N, C-alpha and C. Protein backbone atom coordinates (compact mmCIF):
# COMPACT_ATOMS: atom_id res chain seq x y z
N MET A 1 78.19 114.68 94.24
CA MET A 1 79.16 115.61 94.79
C MET A 1 78.79 117.03 94.38
N SER A 2 79.24 117.96 95.16
CA SER A 2 78.98 119.36 94.89
C SER A 2 79.95 119.88 93.85
N GLY A 3 79.82 121.15 93.51
CA GLY A 3 80.72 121.77 92.56
C GLY A 3 82.12 121.92 93.11
N ILE A 4 83.00 122.35 92.25
CA ILE A 4 84.41 122.54 92.60
C ILE A 4 84.57 123.83 93.41
N SER A 5 85.42 123.75 94.42
CA SER A 5 85.73 124.92 95.25
C SER A 5 87.23 125.22 95.10
N LYS A 6 87.54 126.44 94.69
CA LYS A 6 88.92 126.84 94.47
C LYS A 6 89.42 127.63 95.68
N ARG A 7 90.61 127.24 96.16
CA ARG A 7 91.21 127.93 97.31
C ARG A 7 92.66 128.24 97.03
N SER A 8 93.12 129.33 97.60
CA SER A 8 94.54 129.67 97.52
C SER A 8 95.21 129.14 98.77
N ILE A 9 96.39 128.58 98.58
CA ILE A 9 97.14 128.01 99.69
C ILE A 9 98.62 128.30 99.47
N VAL A 10 99.35 128.51 100.55
CA VAL A 10 100.78 128.80 100.46
C VAL A 10 101.56 127.51 100.72
N ILE A 11 102.40 127.15 99.76
CA ILE A 11 103.26 125.96 99.87
C ILE A 11 104.69 126.42 99.66
N ALA A 12 105.53 126.18 100.64
CA ALA A 12 106.95 126.56 100.58
C ALA A 12 107.12 128.03 100.20
N GLY A 13 106.27 128.86 100.77
CA GLY A 13 106.38 130.30 100.56
C GLY A 13 105.78 130.80 99.26
N HIS A 14 105.16 129.93 98.48
CA HIS A 14 104.56 130.31 97.20
C HIS A 14 103.07 130.05 97.24
N SER A 15 102.29 131.03 96.80
CA SER A 15 100.85 130.86 96.76
C SER A 15 100.44 130.12 95.50
N THR A 16 99.52 129.19 95.66
CA THR A 16 98.99 128.44 94.53
C THR A 16 97.50 128.24 94.74
N SER A 17 96.77 128.06 93.66
CA SER A 17 95.34 127.79 93.74
C SER A 17 95.09 126.32 93.53
N VAL A 18 94.19 125.77 94.32
CA VAL A 18 93.84 124.36 94.23
C VAL A 18 92.32 124.26 94.12
N SER A 19 91.87 123.47 93.15
CA SER A 19 90.44 123.26 92.94
C SER A 19 90.07 121.84 93.32
N LEU A 20 89.16 121.72 94.29
CA LEU A 20 88.68 120.42 94.74
C LEU A 20 87.20 120.51 95.08
N GLU A 21 86.54 119.38 95.06
CA GLU A 21 85.18 119.31 95.54
C GLU A 21 85.18 119.53 97.05
N PRO A 22 84.12 120.15 97.59
CA PRO A 22 84.06 120.42 99.03
C PRO A 22 84.28 119.17 99.89
N GLU A 23 83.83 118.02 99.42
CA GLU A 23 84.00 116.78 100.18
C GLU A 23 85.48 116.43 100.34
N PHE A 24 86.29 116.72 99.33
CA PHE A 24 87.73 116.46 99.44
C PHE A 24 88.39 117.47 100.38
N TRP A 25 87.93 118.73 100.35
CA TRP A 25 88.45 119.71 101.32
C TRP A 25 88.12 119.25 102.74
N ASP A 26 86.90 118.75 102.94
CA ASP A 26 86.50 118.24 104.26
C ASP A 26 87.40 117.08 104.69
N GLY A 27 87.67 116.18 103.76
CA GLY A 27 88.56 115.05 104.05
C GLY A 27 89.96 115.52 104.43
N LEU A 28 90.48 116.49 103.70
CA LEU A 28 91.81 117.02 104.01
C LEU A 28 91.83 117.68 105.39
N LYS A 29 90.77 118.41 105.72
CA LYS A 29 90.69 119.04 107.05
C LYS A 29 90.68 117.99 108.14
N ALA A 30 89.91 116.93 107.95
CA ALA A 30 89.84 115.86 108.95
C ALA A 30 91.21 115.19 109.12
N ILE A 31 91.90 114.94 108.02
CA ILE A 31 93.23 114.33 108.08
C ILE A 31 94.21 115.25 108.80
N SER A 32 94.14 116.54 108.50
CA SER A 32 95.06 117.49 109.14
C SER A 32 94.85 117.54 110.65
N VAL A 33 93.59 117.48 111.08
CA VAL A 33 93.30 117.47 112.52
C VAL A 33 93.86 116.21 113.17
N LEU A 34 93.62 115.06 112.54
CA LEU A 34 94.11 113.80 113.09
C LEU A 34 95.64 113.76 113.17
N ARG A 35 96.29 114.40 112.23
CA ARG A 35 97.76 114.41 112.20
C ARG A 35 98.37 115.58 112.96
N GLY A 36 97.53 116.47 113.46
CA GLY A 36 98.02 117.62 114.21
C GLY A 36 98.76 118.63 113.34
N LEU A 37 98.31 118.77 112.10
CA LEU A 37 98.93 119.69 111.15
C LEU A 37 97.93 120.74 110.71
N SER A 38 98.44 121.87 110.28
CA SER A 38 97.55 122.82 109.62
C SER A 38 97.22 122.26 108.24
N LEU A 39 96.15 122.76 107.65
CA LEU A 39 95.79 122.32 106.31
C LEU A 39 96.92 122.62 105.33
N ALA A 40 97.53 123.79 105.46
CA ALA A 40 98.64 124.16 104.57
C ALA A 40 99.82 123.21 104.73
N ALA A 41 100.12 122.82 105.96
CA ALA A 41 101.24 121.90 106.20
C ALA A 41 100.94 120.52 105.61
N LEU A 42 99.70 120.07 105.73
CA LEU A 42 99.32 118.78 105.15
C LEU A 42 99.44 118.83 103.63
N VAL A 43 98.93 119.88 103.02
CA VAL A 43 99.01 120.02 101.56
C VAL A 43 100.47 120.08 101.12
N ALA A 44 101.29 120.80 101.86
CA ALA A 44 102.72 120.88 101.52
C ALA A 44 103.38 119.50 101.62
N ASP A 45 103.00 118.72 102.62
CA ASP A 45 103.56 117.38 102.78
C ASP A 45 103.14 116.49 101.60
N ILE A 46 101.88 116.53 101.24
CA ILE A 46 101.39 115.75 100.09
C ILE A 46 102.08 116.22 98.82
N ASP A 47 102.22 117.53 98.67
CA ASP A 47 102.88 118.09 97.49
C ASP A 47 104.32 117.59 97.36
N SER A 48 105.03 117.52 98.47
CA SER A 48 106.44 117.12 98.44
C SER A 48 106.62 115.64 98.08
N LYS A 49 105.56 114.85 98.27
CA LYS A 49 105.65 113.40 98.02
C LYS A 49 104.88 112.95 96.79
N ARG A 50 104.26 113.87 96.09
CA ARG A 50 103.38 113.45 94.99
C ARG A 50 104.14 112.90 93.80
N THR A 51 103.48 111.98 93.12
CA THR A 51 104.04 111.38 91.92
C THR A 51 103.23 111.76 90.68
N THR A 52 102.18 112.54 90.88
CA THR A 52 101.37 113.01 89.76
C THR A 52 101.73 114.46 89.46
N ALA A 53 101.49 114.87 88.24
CA ALA A 53 101.83 116.24 87.84
C ALA A 53 100.85 117.27 88.41
N ASN A 54 99.66 116.83 88.74
CA ASN A 54 98.60 117.73 89.15
C ASN A 54 98.39 117.67 90.66
N LEU A 55 98.52 118.81 91.34
CA LEU A 55 98.37 118.85 92.79
C LEU A 55 96.95 118.46 93.22
N SER A 56 95.95 118.93 92.51
CA SER A 56 94.58 118.57 92.88
C SER A 56 94.38 117.06 92.84
N SER A 57 94.91 116.41 91.82
CA SER A 57 94.81 114.95 91.73
C SER A 57 95.54 114.29 92.88
N ALA A 58 96.71 114.79 93.22
CA ALA A 58 97.48 114.22 94.33
C ALA A 58 96.72 114.35 95.64
N LEU A 59 96.04 115.47 95.85
CA LEU A 59 95.26 115.65 97.07
C LEU A 59 94.07 114.70 97.11
N ARG A 60 93.39 114.53 95.99
CA ARG A 60 92.27 113.58 95.95
C ARG A 60 92.76 112.16 96.25
N LEU A 61 93.88 111.78 95.65
CA LEU A 61 94.42 110.44 95.88
C LEU A 61 94.85 110.25 97.34
N ALA A 62 95.37 111.31 97.96
CA ALA A 62 95.78 111.22 99.36
C ALA A 62 94.56 111.01 100.27
N VAL A 63 93.48 111.71 99.99
CA VAL A 63 92.25 111.52 100.78
C VAL A 63 91.71 110.11 100.55
N LEU A 64 91.68 109.67 99.31
CA LEU A 64 91.22 108.32 99.01
C LEU A 64 92.06 107.27 99.74
N ALA A 65 93.38 107.42 99.69
CA ALA A 65 94.27 106.46 100.35
C ALA A 65 94.06 106.47 101.86
N PHE A 66 93.87 107.64 102.44
CA PHE A 66 93.66 107.73 103.88
C PHE A 66 92.43 106.94 104.30
N TYR A 67 91.32 107.15 103.61
CA TYR A 67 90.09 106.47 103.98
C TYR A 67 90.10 105.00 103.57
N ARG A 68 90.75 104.68 102.47
CA ARG A 68 90.84 103.29 102.03
C ARG A 68 91.68 102.46 102.99
N ASP A 69 92.74 103.04 103.52
CA ASP A 69 93.69 102.30 104.35
C ASP A 69 93.36 102.30 105.84
N ARG A 70 92.30 102.99 106.23
CA ARG A 70 91.91 103.00 107.64
C ARG A 70 91.41 101.65 108.07
N PRO A 71 91.74 101.25 109.30
CA PRO A 71 91.21 99.98 109.79
C PRO A 71 89.69 100.02 109.88
N ILE A 72 89.08 98.93 109.58
CA ILE A 72 87.64 98.83 109.68
C ILE A 72 87.29 98.32 111.06
N ALA A 73 86.40 99.04 111.74
CA ALA A 73 86.00 98.64 113.08
C ALA A 73 85.26 97.30 113.01
N SER A 74 85.52 96.47 114.00
CA SER A 74 84.85 95.17 114.07
C SER A 74 83.37 95.35 114.34
N ASP A 75 82.59 94.47 113.77
CA ASP A 75 81.16 94.48 114.02
C ASP A 75 80.91 93.89 115.40
N PRO A 76 80.32 94.67 116.31
CA PRO A 76 80.14 94.20 117.69
C PRO A 76 79.09 93.08 117.82
N THR A 77 78.32 92.82 116.78
CA THR A 77 77.28 91.78 116.89
C THR A 77 77.80 90.40 116.59
């Protein structure tokens, strides 16, 4: 994995900084597109439902859960 990338994001009208690896930012962007949300709206949704104290950890877990829980395409062979 690449180094950590820090970004500022506004959640519920408050700016906060979030540090994630670029691959997790890419995962969050892909999820936001699939759900028809802005990245900020997706992060706010994850933030409102998180059970961990750390937002960065909650975002990583959300990306992991999204990809883990996706249906696996059948092998056509």
